[in-house]
Amino acid sequence: MNPVPTLESLNAWPLEERLELVFGLWDQIAEDAWRPEPSEELKAELRRRLAAFEADPSRGLTWEQVAAHVRRAR
């Protein structure tokens, strides 16, 4: 199946409807238990960040601090 014609026709849809479609598709994909395998580069970065946190936990943020930062940034 060639998705290009379908994608081109979706350009005529209002943005909110396209977003609803995207979110609906993503929910279906997640329900199918799709879990991408992290790349070796991502695994290395996560290991680096964990080591940095373990070396100095005071530089880490709690979930509440992160959420508050995101709310302020909006």
N, C-alpha and C. Protein backbone atom coordinates (compact mmCIF):
# COMPACT_ATOMS: atom_id res chain seq x y z
N MET A 1 0.83 -1.18 0.00
CA MET A 1 0.00 0.00 0.00
C MET A 1 0.87 1.24 0.00
N ASN A 2 0.57 2.16 -0.86
CA ASN A 2 1.30 3.43 -0.94
C ASN A 2 0.53 4.47 -0.13
N PRO A 3 1.08 4.93 1.00
CA PRO A 3 0.35 5.87 1.84
C PRO A 3 0.38 7.31 1.34
N VAL A 4 1.20 7.61 0.33
CA VAL A 4 1.36 8.99 -0.11
C VAL A 4 0.04 9.62 -0.55
N PRO A 5 -0.77 8.98 -1.41
CA PRO A 5 -2.03 9.62 -1.79
C PRO A 5 -2.95 9.88 -0.60
N THR A 6 -2.98 8.97 0.35
CA THR A 6 -3.81 9.17 1.54
C THR A 6 -3.29 10.36 2.34
N LEU A 7 -1.99 10.42 2.53
CA LEU A 7 -1.41 11.53 3.28
C LEU A 7 -1.66 12.86 2.59
N GLU A 8 -1.54 12.86 1.27
CA GLU A 8 -1.80 14.09 0.52
C GLU A 8 -3.24 14.54 0.68
N SER A 9 -4.18 13.60 0.69
CA SER A 9 -5.58 13.98 0.84
C SER A 9 -5.87 14.48 2.25
N LEU A 10 -5.12 14.01 3.22
CA LEU A 10 -5.32 14.46 4.60
C LEU A 10 -4.89 15.91 4.81
N ASN A 11 -4.06 16.43 3.92
CA ASN A 11 -3.64 17.82 4.04
C ASN A 11 -4.83 18.78 3.99
N ALA A 12 -5.92 18.36 3.38
CA ALA A 12 -7.11 19.21 3.29
C ALA A 12 -7.90 19.23 4.60
N TRP A 13 -7.65 18.29 5.48
CA TRP A 13 -8.37 18.22 6.76
C TRP A 13 -7.92 19.35 7.68
N PRO A 14 -8.81 19.83 8.53
CA PRO A 14 -8.38 20.81 9.54
C PRO A 14 -7.34 20.20 10.48
N LEU A 15 -6.50 21.02 11.02
CA LEU A 15 -5.42 20.55 11.88
C LEU A 15 -5.93 19.70 13.05
N GLU A 16 -7.00 20.14 13.70
CA GLU A 16 -7.51 19.39 14.85
C GLU A 16 -7.93 17.98 14.46
N GLU A 17 -8.53 17.82 13.29
CA GLU A 17 -8.94 16.49 12.84
C GLU A 17 -7.73 15.62 12.51
N ARG A 18 -6.71 16.23 11.94
CA ARG A 18 -5.50 15.46 11.65
C ARG A 18 -4.83 15.01 12.94
N LEU A 19 -4.83 15.89 13.95
CA LEU A 19 -4.25 15.51 15.23
C LEU A 19 -5.05 14.39 15.88
N GLU A 20 -6.37 14.45 15.79
CA GLU A 20 -7.20 13.36 16.33
C GLU A 20 -6.85 12.04 15.66
N LEU A 21 -6.65 12.07 14.35
CA LEU A 21 -6.27 10.87 13.62
C LEU A 21 -4.92 10.34 14.12
N VAL A 22 -3.96 11.23 14.24
CA VAL A 22 -2.62 10.83 14.68
C VAL A 22 -2.68 10.21 16.08
N PHE A 23 -3.37 10.88 17.00
CA PHE A 23 -3.46 10.36 18.36
C PHE A 23 -4.20 9.02 18.38
N GLY A 24 -5.25 8.91 17.58
CA GLY A 24 -5.98 7.64 17.51
C GLY A 24 -5.12 6.52 16.97
N LEU A 25 -4.34 6.80 15.93
CA LEU A 25 -3.43 5.79 15.38
C LEU A 25 -2.38 5.40 16.41
N TRP A 26 -1.84 6.40 17.10
CA TRP A 26 -0.80 6.11 18.10
C TRP A 26 -1.37 5.24 19.21
N ASP A 27 -2.59 5.54 19.65
CA ASP A 27 -3.21 4.71 20.69
C ASP A 27 -3.38 3.27 20.22
N GLN A 28 -3.78 3.09 18.97
CA GLN A 28 -3.93 1.73 18.43
C GLN A 28 -2.59 1.01 18.39
N ILE A 29 -1.55 1.72 17.98
CA ILE A 29 -0.22 1.12 17.93
C ILE A 29 0.22 0.71 19.33
N ALA A 30 0.00 1.58 20.31
CA ALA A 30 0.38 1.27 21.69
C ALA A 30 -0.42 0.08 22.22
N GLU A 31 -1.70 0.01 21.87
CA GLU A 31 -2.53 -1.12 22.32
C GLU A 31 -2.04 -2.44 21.73
N ASP A 32 -1.42 -2.38 20.56
CA ASP A 32 -0.88 -3.59 19.95
C ASP A 32 0.44 -4.01 20.60
N ALA A 33 0.82 -3.31 21.69
CA ALA A 33 2.01 -3.61 22.47
C ALA A 33 3.30 -3.38 21.69
N TRP A 34 3.29 -2.43 20.78
CA TRP A 34 4.52 -2.10 20.06
C TRP A 34 5.43 -1.32 20.99
N ARG A 35 6.61 -1.82 21.16
CA ARG A 35 7.61 -1.16 21.99
C ARG A 35 8.92 -1.14 21.19
N PRO A 36 9.31 0.03 20.71
CA PRO A 36 10.54 0.08 19.92
C PRO A 36 11.76 -0.26 20.78
N GLU A 37 12.70 -0.91 20.18
CA GLU A 37 13.96 -1.25 20.86
C GLU A 37 14.85 0.00 20.83
N PRO A 38 15.32 0.46 22.00
CA PRO A 38 16.20 1.64 22.00
C PRO A 38 17.49 1.35 21.23
N SER A 39 17.97 2.36 20.53
CA SER A 39 19.21 2.21 19.78
C SER A 39 20.39 2.11 20.76
N GLU A 40 21.51 1.63 20.27
CA GLU A 40 22.71 1.54 21.11
C GLU A 40 23.14 2.94 21.56
N GLU A 41 22.95 3.92 20.69
CA GLU A 41 23.29 5.30 21.03
C GLU A 41 22.43 5.79 22.19
N LEU A 42 21.14 5.51 22.14
CA LEU A 42 20.25 5.92 23.22
C LEU A 42 20.59 5.18 24.52
N LYS A 43 20.88 3.90 24.42
CA LYS A 43 21.25 3.13 25.62
C LYS A 43 22.51 3.72 26.26
N ALA A 44 23.48 4.10 25.43
CA ALA A 44 24.72 4.68 25.95
C ALA A 44 24.44 6.02 26.63
N GLU A 45 23.57 6.82 26.03
CA GLU A 45 23.22 8.11 26.63
C GLU A 45 22.51 7.92 27.97
N LEU A 46 21.61 6.96 28.05
CA LEU A 46 20.92 6.69 29.30
C LEU A 46 21.88 6.21 30.38
N ARG A 47 22.84 5.37 29.98
CA ARG A 47 23.85 4.90 30.94
C ARG A 47 24.69 6.09 31.43
N ARG A 48 25.05 6.99 30.51
CA ARG A 48 25.85 8.16 30.87
C ARG A 48 25.08 9.04 31.86
N ARG A 49 23.79 9.26 31.58
CA ARG A 49 22.99 10.10 32.46
C ARG A 49 22.80 9.46 33.84
N LEU A 50 22.60 8.16 33.86
CA LEU A 50 22.45 7.46 35.13
C LEU A 50 23.74 7.56 35.94
N ALA A 51 24.88 7.38 35.29
CA ALA A 51 26.17 7.48 35.99
C ALA A 51 26.36 8.89 36.54
N ALA A 52 26.00 9.92 35.77
CA ALA A 52 26.13 11.30 36.23
C ALA A 52 25.23 11.54 37.44
N PHE A 53 24.02 11.01 37.40
CA PHE A 53 23.11 11.15 38.54
C PHE A 53 23.66 10.43 39.77
N GLU A 54 24.14 9.21 39.57
CA GLU A 54 24.67 8.44 40.70
C GLU A 54 25.90 9.11 41.30
N ALA A 55 26.69 9.81 40.47
CA ALA A 55 27.87 10.51 40.97
C ALA A 55 27.49 11.75 41.77
N ASP A 56 26.35 12.38 41.43
CA ASP A 56 25.90 13.58 42.14
C ASP A 56 24.38 13.66 42.11
N PRO A 57 23.71 12.91 43.00
CA PRO A 57 22.24 12.90 43.01
C PRO A 57 21.61 14.26 43.25
N SER A 58 22.34 15.19 43.85
CA SER A 58 21.77 16.51 44.14
C SER A 58 21.46 17.29 42.86
N ARG A 59 22.05 16.90 41.75
CA ARG A 59 21.79 17.59 40.48
C ARG A 59 20.55 17.06 39.78
N GLY A 60 19.96 15.97 40.31
CA GLY A 60 18.76 15.41 39.71
C GLY A 60 17.53 16.17 40.17
N LEU A 61 16.43 15.98 39.45
CA LEU A 61 15.17 16.61 39.78
C LEU A 61 14.12 15.54 40.08
N THR A 62 13.22 15.86 40.98
CA THR A 62 12.11 14.96 41.24
C THR A 62 11.10 15.11 40.11
N TRP A 63 10.18 14.15 40.01
CA TRP A 63 9.12 14.24 39.00
C TRP A 63 8.30 15.51 39.22
N GLU A 64 8.03 15.86 40.47
CA GLU A 64 7.24 17.05 40.77
C GLU A 64 7.95 18.31 40.28
N GLN A 65 9.28 18.37 40.43
CA GLN A 65 10.04 19.52 39.96
C GLN A 65 10.01 19.61 38.43
N VAL A 66 10.13 18.49 37.77
CA VAL A 66 10.08 18.47 36.31
C VAL A 66 8.70 18.93 35.84
N ALA A 67 7.64 18.38 36.42
CA ALA A 67 6.28 18.75 36.03
C ALA A 67 6.04 20.24 36.26
N ALA A 68 6.52 20.79 37.38
CA ALA A 68 6.34 22.21 37.66
C ALA A 68 7.08 23.05 36.62
N HIS A 69 8.26 22.62 36.24
CA HIS A 69 9.03 23.34 35.22
C HIS A 69 8.28 23.36 33.89
N VAL A 70 7.72 22.23 33.52
CA VAL A 70 6.97 22.15 32.26
C VAL A 70 5.75 23.06 32.32
N ARG A 71 5.05 23.05 33.45
CA ARG A 71 3.87 23.91 33.58
C ARG A 71 4.24 25.39 33.47
N ARG A 72 5.36 25.78 34.09
CA ARG A 72 5.79 27.18 34.01
C ARG A 72 6.20 27.55 32.59
N ALA A 73 6.76 26.61 31.86
CA ALA A 73 7.23 26.89 30.49
C ALA A 73 6.07 27.10 29.52
N ARG A 74 4.90 26.59 29.86
CA ARG A 74 3.74 26.77 28.99
C ARG A 74 3.34 28.18 29.05
